[in-house]
Amino acid sequence: QQAEWKPTVSLQLNSESHKVGEDLYETVLTVTVTVKSSETTAYLVEVKQAGLFILKGFDDNNRAGLLGSYCPNVLFPFAREVIADHVVKGGFPQLLLEPINFDALYAQHRQQAQQNAPATDTPQ
């Protein structure tokens, strides 16, 4: 008798951005999905989806927000589709990743960075 397929899905996201020209930035979204069944890894799929974005007229703070939230949000549906295609082509049941709230993830990342920042000395 075949065991019922009740996998646990682990999702890891990472995005990196860098300047490649005047007002031109590349953002790379890395999506790693590990699927386990009964503590055994059934499969692991990783996709790096990149995009070039022209960002003109933004201050550093707003640009950082766009690169950390908006750009990954634009890239995610493409990465999600590639992952779904690869999983099915690998002979596994379809895997559809839920939409991601990149605004909330970016805000959380900023908050953690502020909490981990060293305290600055204030002159007395």
N, C-alpha and C. Protein backbone atom coordinates (compact mmCIF):
# COMPACT_ATOMS: atom_id res chain seq x y z
N GLN A 1 0.84 -1.18 0.00
CA GLN A 1 0.00 0.00 0.00
C GLN A 1 0.89 1.25 0.00
N GLN A 2 0.56 2.16 -0.89
CA GLN A 2 1.34 3.38 -1.04
C GLN A 2 0.92 4.42 0.00
N ALA A 3 1.90 5.06 0.61
CA ALA A 3 1.61 6.08 1.62
C ALA A 3 1.00 7.31 0.95
N GLU A 4 0.11 7.98 1.68
CA GLU A 4 -0.51 9.19 1.16
C GLU A 4 0.53 10.32 1.10
N TRP A 5 0.48 11.10 0.04
CA TRP A 5 1.43 12.19 -0.18
C TRP A 5 1.00 13.42 0.63
N LYS A 6 1.65 13.61 1.76
CA LYS A 6 1.39 14.78 2.61
C LYS A 6 2.74 15.44 2.91
N PRO A 7 3.26 16.17 1.94
CA PRO A 7 4.60 16.74 2.12
C PRO A 7 4.60 17.99 3.00
N THR A 8 5.77 18.27 3.54
CA THR A 8 5.98 19.55 4.20
C THR A 8 6.84 20.40 3.25
N VAL A 9 6.45 21.63 3.08
CA VAL A 9 7.12 22.51 2.13
C VAL A 9 7.85 23.61 2.89
N SER A 10 9.13 23.74 2.60
CA SER A 10 9.95 24.80 3.19
C SER A 10 10.34 25.77 2.07
N LEU A 11 10.09 27.04 2.30
CA LEU A 11 10.35 28.06 1.29
C LEU A 11 11.37 29.06 1.82
N GLN A 12 12.40 29.32 1.04
CA GLN A 12 13.40 30.33 1.40
C GLN A 12 13.46 31.35 0.26
N LEU A 13 13.46 32.62 0.63
CA LEU A 13 13.53 33.70 -0.34
C LEU A 13 14.73 34.57 -0.05
N ASN A 14 15.35 35.05 -1.11
CA ASN A 14 16.44 36.00 -0.96
C ASN A 14 16.44 36.90 -2.20
N SER A 15 16.67 38.17 -1.99
CA SER A 15 16.82 39.05 -3.15
C SER A 15 18.05 39.92 -2.95
N GLU A 16 18.74 40.13 -4.05
CA GLU A 16 19.93 40.97 -4.05
C GLU A 16 19.82 41.93 -5.22
N SER A 17 20.24 43.15 -5.00
CA SER A 17 20.21 44.15 -6.06
C SER A 17 21.55 44.85 -6.13
N HIS A 18 21.91 45.24 -7.34
CA HIS A 18 23.10 46.06 -7.50
C HIS A 18 22.95 46.95 -8.73
N LYS A 19 23.67 48.03 -8.70
CA LYS A 19 23.63 49.02 -9.77
C LYS A 19 24.47 48.51 -10.94
N VAL A 20 23.90 48.57 -12.14
CA VAL A 20 24.65 48.12 -13.32
C VAL A 20 24.87 49.25 -14.32
N GLY A 21 24.27 50.39 -14.08
CA GLY A 21 24.43 51.54 -14.96
C GLY A 21 23.73 52.73 -14.33
N GLU A 22 23.76 53.86 -15.04
CA GLU A 22 23.10 55.05 -14.51
C GLU A 22 21.60 54.80 -14.42
N ASP A 23 21.07 54.84 -13.22
CA ASP A 23 19.64 54.60 -12.94
C ASP A 23 19.19 53.19 -13.29
N LEU A 24 20.11 52.27 -13.56
CA LEU A 24 19.77 50.90 -13.95
C LEU A 24 20.25 49.93 -12.87
N TYR A 25 19.32 49.11 -12.39
CA TYR A 25 19.62 48.18 -11.30
C TYR A 25 19.17 46.78 -11.69
N GLU A 26 19.97 45.80 -11.27
CA GLU A 26 19.59 44.40 -11.45
C GLU A 26 19.16 43.85 -10.10
N THR A 27 18.01 43.20 -10.08
CA THR A 27 17.55 42.51 -8.88
C THR A 27 17.46 41.03 -9.21
N VAL A 28 18.03 40.21 -8.34
CA VAL A 28 17.98 38.76 -8.50
C VAL A 28 17.20 38.20 -7.31
N LEU A 29 16.10 37.54 -7.61
CA LEU A 29 15.28 36.88 -6.59
C LEU A 29 15.60 35.40 -6.62
N THR A 30 16.04 34.87 -5.48
CA THR A 30 16.31 33.44 -5.36
C THR A 30 15.20 32.81 -4.53
N VAL A 31 14.55 31.81 -5.12
CA VAL A 31 13.48 31.08 -4.44
C VAL A 31 13.92 29.63 -4.33
N THR A 32 14.03 29.13 -3.10
CA THR A 32 14.43 27.75 -2.86
C THR A 32 13.29 27.04 -2.14
N VAL A 33 12.85 25.94 -2.73
CA VAL A 33 11.76 25.15 -2.15
C VAL A 33 12.29 23.76 -1.85
N THR A 34 12.14 23.33 -0.60
CA THR A 34 12.50 21.97 -0.20
C THR A 34 11.21 21.27 0.22
N VAL A 35 10.94 20.13 -0.38
CA VAL A 35 9.73 19.37 -0.07
C VAL A 35 10.16 18.05 0.54
N LYS A 36 9.63 17.78 1.74
CA LYS A 36 9.95 16.55 2.45
C LYS A 36 8.68 15.73 2.66
N SER A 37 8.87 14.43 2.65
CA SER A 37 7.80 13.50 2.96
C SER A 37 8.35 12.53 4.00
N SER A 38 7.76 12.52 5.16
CA SER A 38 8.22 11.65 6.25
C SER A 38 9.70 11.87 6.55
N GLU A 39 10.11 13.12 6.69
CA GLU A 39 11.49 13.50 7.02
C GLU A 39 12.50 13.19 5.92
N THR A 40 12.04 12.66 4.79
CA THR A 40 12.92 12.40 3.66
C THR A 40 12.71 13.49 2.62
N THR A 41 13.80 14.05 2.13
CA THR A 41 13.66 15.08 1.11
C THR A 41 13.19 14.44 -0.19
N ALA A 42 12.02 14.87 -0.65
CA ALA A 42 11.48 14.38 -1.92
C ALA A 42 12.13 15.12 -3.08
N TYR A 43 12.22 16.44 -2.95
CA TYR A 43 12.93 17.23 -3.96
C TYR A 43 13.26 18.61 -3.42
N LEU A 44 14.22 19.22 -4.08
CA LEU A 44 14.62 20.59 -3.80
C LEU A 44 14.71 21.29 -5.14
N VAL A 45 14.08 22.43 -5.26
CA VAL A 45 14.15 23.20 -6.50
C VAL A 45 14.52 24.63 -6.14
N GLU A 46 15.47 25.18 -6.91
CA GLU A 46 15.89 26.55 -6.67
C GLU A 46 15.90 27.30 -8.00
N VAL A 47 15.32 28.48 -7.97
CA VAL A 47 15.25 29.32 -9.16
C VAL A 47 15.81 30.69 -8.82
N LYS A 48 16.64 31.20 -9.71
CA LYS A 48 17.11 32.58 -9.61
C LYS A 48 16.49 33.34 -10.77
N GLN A 49 15.60 34.26 -10.45
CA GLN A 49 14.91 35.06 -11.46
C GLN A 49 15.45 36.48 -11.36
N ALA A 50 15.95 37.00 -12.47
CA ALA A 50 16.56 38.33 -12.46
C ALA A 50 15.78 39.29 -13.34
N GLY A 51 15.90 40.56 -13.01
CA GLY A 51 15.29 41.60 -13.82
C GLY A 51 16.10 42.87 -13.75
N LEU A 52 16.02 43.66 -14.81
CA LEU A 52 16.65 44.97 -14.85
C LEU A 52 15.58 46.03 -14.68
N PHE A 53 15.84 46.99 -13.82
CA PHE A 53 14.87 48.02 -13.49
C PHE A 53 15.52 49.39 -13.60
N ILE A 54 14.84 50.30 -14.28
CA ILE A 54 15.29 51.69 -14.35
C ILE A 54 14.58 52.45 -13.23
N LEU A 55 15.36 53.02 -12.33
CA LEU A 55 14.81 53.77 -11.19
C LEU A 55 15.36 55.19 -11.23
N LYS A 56 14.55 56.12 -11.71
CA LYS A 56 14.96 57.52 -11.81
C LYS A 56 14.16 58.37 -10.84
N GLY A 57 14.83 59.34 -10.24
CA GLY A 57 14.15 60.33 -9.43
C GLY A 57 13.77 59.89 -8.03
N PHE A 58 14.40 58.84 -7.53
CA PHE A 58 14.10 58.36 -6.18
C PHE A 58 15.28 58.65 -5.27
N ASP A 59 14.98 59.02 -4.01
CA ASP A 59 16.07 59.17 -3.05
C ASP A 59 16.52 57.77 -2.62
N ASP A 60 17.63 57.72 -1.89
CA ASP A 60 18.21 56.42 -1.50
C ASP A 60 17.23 55.55 -0.73
N ASN A 61 16.46 56.14 0.17
CA ASN A 61 15.54 55.37 1.00
C ASN A 61 14.42 54.75 0.15
N ASN A 62 13.82 55.56 -0.73
CA ASN A 62 12.76 55.04 -1.59
C ASN A 62 13.29 54.02 -2.59
N ARG A 63 14.49 54.27 -3.11
CA ARG A 63 15.10 53.32 -4.05
C ARG A 63 15.34 51.97 -3.36
N ALA A 64 15.82 52.02 -2.13
CA ALA A 64 16.05 50.78 -1.37
C ALA A 64 14.74 50.02 -1.18
N GLY A 65 13.67 50.74 -0.91
CA GLY A 65 12.36 50.11 -0.75
C GLY A 65 11.88 49.46 -2.04
N LEU A 66 12.08 50.14 -3.16
CA LEU A 66 11.69 49.57 -4.46
C LEU A 66 12.50 48.31 -4.76
N LEU A 67 13.81 48.39 -4.54
CA LEU A 67 14.67 47.23 -4.83
C LEU A 67 14.41 46.07 -3.88
N GLY A 68 14.00 46.38 -2.65
CA GLY A 68 13.78 45.33 -1.67
C GLY A 68 12.38 44.76 -1.64
N SER A 69 11.43 45.47 -2.26
CA SER A 69 10.04 45.04 -2.18
C SER A 69 9.37 44.96 -3.55
N TYR A 70 9.33 46.09 -4.25
CA TYR A 70 8.62 46.14 -5.53
C TYR A 70 9.25 45.22 -6.57
N CYS A 71 10.57 45.31 -6.73
CA CYS A 71 11.25 44.51 -7.76
C CYS A 71 11.10 43.00 -7.52
N PRO A 72 11.33 42.50 -6.30
CA PRO A 72 11.09 41.07 -6.07
C PRO A 72 9.63 40.68 -6.32
N ASN A 73 8.71 41.58 -6.01
CA ASN A 73 7.29 41.31 -6.24
C ASN A 73 6.99 41.14 -7.73
N VAL A 74 7.66 41.92 -8.57
CA VAL A 74 7.50 41.80 -10.02
C VAL A 74 8.07 40.48 -10.51
N LEU A 75 9.19 40.06 -9.94
CA LEU A 75 9.89 38.85 -10.39
C LEU A 75 9.25 37.55 -9.90
N PHE A 76 8.59 37.59 -8.75
CA PHE A 76 8.10 36.35 -8.12
C PHE A 76 7.16 35.52 -9.00
N PRO A 77 6.19 36.11 -9.69
CA PRO A 77 5.30 35.25 -10.51
C PRO A 77 6.05 34.43 -11.56
N PHE A 78 7.12 34.99 -12.10
CA PHE A 78 7.91 34.26 -13.09
C PHE A 78 8.67 33.11 -12.44
N ALA A 79 9.26 33.35 -11.29
CA ALA A 79 9.96 32.29 -10.55
C ALA A 79 8.98 31.20 -10.13
N ARG A 80 7.81 31.63 -9.69
CA ARG A 80 6.77 30.69 -9.26
C ARG A 80 6.36 29.76 -10.40
N GLU A 81 6.21 30.33 -11.60
CA GLU A 81 5.83 29.53 -12.77
C GLU A 81 6.91 28.52 -13.14
N VAL A 82 8.17 28.96 -13.10
CA VAL A 82 9.28 28.06 -13.42
C VAL A 82 9.34 26.91 -12.42
N ILE A 83 9.15 27.21 -11.15
CA ILE A 83 9.16 26.16 -10.12
C ILE A 83 8.04 25.17 -10.37
N ALA A 84 6.83 25.67 -10.62
CA ALA A 84 5.69 24.78 -10.87
C ALA A 84 5.96 23.88 -12.07
N ASP A 85 6.51 24.43 -13.14
CA ASP A 85 6.81 23.64 -14.34
C ASP A 85 7.85 22.56 -14.05
N HIS A 86 8.91 22.93 -13.34
CA HIS A 86 9.98 21.96 -13.05
C HIS A 86 9.48 20.82 -12.16
N VAL A 87 8.65 21.15 -11.19
CA VAL A 87 8.14 20.12 -10.29
C VAL A 87 7.30 19.10 -11.06
N VAL A 88 6.40 19.58 -11.90
CA VAL A 88 5.54 18.68 -12.69
C VAL A 88 6.38 17.87 -13.67
N LYS A 89 7.34 18.51 -14.34
CA LYS A 89 8.20 17.79 -15.28
C LYS A 89 9.06 16.75 -14.58
N GLY A 90 9.30 16.94 -13.28
CA GLY A 90 10.05 15.97 -12.49
C GLY A 90 9.20 14.80 -12.03
N GLY A 91 7.91 14.82 -12.36
CA GLY A 91 7.04 13.70 -12.02
C GLY A 91 6.35 13.82 -10.67
N PHE A 92 6.41 14.99 -10.07
CA PHE A 92 5.76 15.19 -8.77
C PHE A 92 4.43 15.90 -8.94
N PRO A 93 3.56 15.80 -7.94
CA PRO A 93 2.29 16.54 -8.00
C PRO A 93 2.56 18.05 -8.09
N GLN A 94 1.65 18.74 -8.72
CA GLN A 94 1.79 20.18 -8.93
C GLN A 94 2.00 20.92 -7.62
N LEU A 95 2.90 21.89 -7.64
CA LEU A 95 3.18 22.73 -6.48
C LEU A 95 2.95 24.18 -6.89
N LEU A 96 1.94 24.79 -6.30
CA LEU A 96 1.67 26.21 -6.55
C LEU A 96 2.00 26.99 -5.29
N LEU A 97 2.98 27.85 -5.40
CA LEU A 97 3.36 28.67 -4.26
C LEU A 97 2.37 29.81 -4.08
N GLU A 98 2.05 30.10 -2.84
CA GLU A 98 1.14 31.20 -2.52
C GLU A 98 1.83 32.53 -2.83
N PRO A 99 1.05 33.56 -3.12
CA PRO A 99 1.66 34.89 -3.30
C PRO A 99 2.40 35.32 -2.03
N ILE A 100 3.42 36.12 -2.21
CA ILE A 100 4.26 36.58 -1.11
C ILE A 100 4.04 38.08 -0.91
N ASN A 101 3.93 38.51 0.34
CA ASN A 101 3.82 39.93 0.65
C ASN A 101 5.23 40.49 0.85
N PHE A 102 5.83 40.94 -0.24
CA PHE A 102 7.20 41.43 -0.17
C PHE A 102 7.29 42.75 0.59
N ASP A 103 6.21 43.53 0.62
CA ASP A 103 6.22 44.77 1.41
C ASP A 103 6.41 44.43 2.89
N ALA A 104 5.68 43.44 3.37
CA ALA A 104 5.80 43.03 4.78
C ALA A 104 7.17 42.43 5.06
N LEU A 105 7.69 41.62 4.15
CA LEU A 105 9.02 41.02 4.34
C LEU A 105 10.09 42.10 4.39
N TYR A 106 9.97 43.09 3.51
CA TYR A 106 10.96 44.17 3.50
C TYR A 106 10.89 44.99 4.79
N ALA A 107 9.68 45.29 5.24
CA ALA A 107 9.51 46.04 6.49
C ALA A 107 10.10 45.26 7.66
N GLN A 108 9.87 43.95 7.68
CA GLN A 108 10.42 43.10 8.75
C GLN A 108 11.95 43.10 8.69
N HIS A 109 12.50 43.01 7.50
CA HIS A 109 13.95 43.01 7.32
C HIS A 109 14.55 44.33 7.81
N ARG A 110 13.90 45.45 7.47
CA ARG A 110 14.37 46.77 7.91
C ARG A 110 14.32 46.88 9.43
N GLN A 111 13.24 46.38 10.03
CA GLN A 111 13.09 46.45 11.48
C GLN A 111 14.18 45.63 12.17
N GLN A 112 14.46 44.43 11.64
CA GLN A 112 15.51 43.59 12.23
C GLN A 112 16.87 44.26 12.08
N ALA A 113 17.11 44.90 10.95
CA ALA A 113 18.39 45.57 10.73
C ALA A 113 18.56 46.72 11.71
N GLN A 114 17.48 47.44 11.99
CA GLN A 114 17.56 48.55 12.94
C GLN A 114 17.80 48.04 14.36
N GLN A 115 17.17 46.93 14.71
CA GLN A 115 17.35 46.37 16.05
C GLN A 115 18.76 45.82 16.24
N ASN A 116 19.36 45.32 15.16
CA ASN A 116 20.69 44.73 15.24
C ASN A 116 21.80 45.76 15.04
N ALA A 117 21.43 46.98 14.68
CA ALA A 117 22.44 48.02 14.46
C ALA A 117 23.08 48.39 15.79
N PRO A 118 24.39 48.63 15.78
CA PRO A 118 25.04 49.01 17.03
C PRO A 118 24.53 50.37 17.51
N ALA A 119 24.43 50.50 18.80
CA ALA A 119 23.97 51.77 19.38
C ALA A 119 25.02 52.85 19.11
N THR A 120 24.56 54.02 18.78
CA THR A 120 25.50 55.12 18.52
C THR A 120 25.71 55.91 19.81
N ASP A 121 26.94 56.33 19.99
CA ASP A 121 27.26 57.15 21.17
C ASP A 121 26.72 58.55 20.95
N THR A 122 26.10 59.08 21.97
CA THR A 122 25.60 60.45 21.88
C THR A 122 26.53 61.35 22.66
N PRO A 123 26.89 62.48 22.07
CA PRO A 123 27.79 63.39 22.80
C PRO A 123 27.10 63.96 24.04
N GLN A 124 27.90 64.18 25.08
CA GLN A 124 27.32 64.68 26.33
C GLN A 124 27.75 66.07 26.62
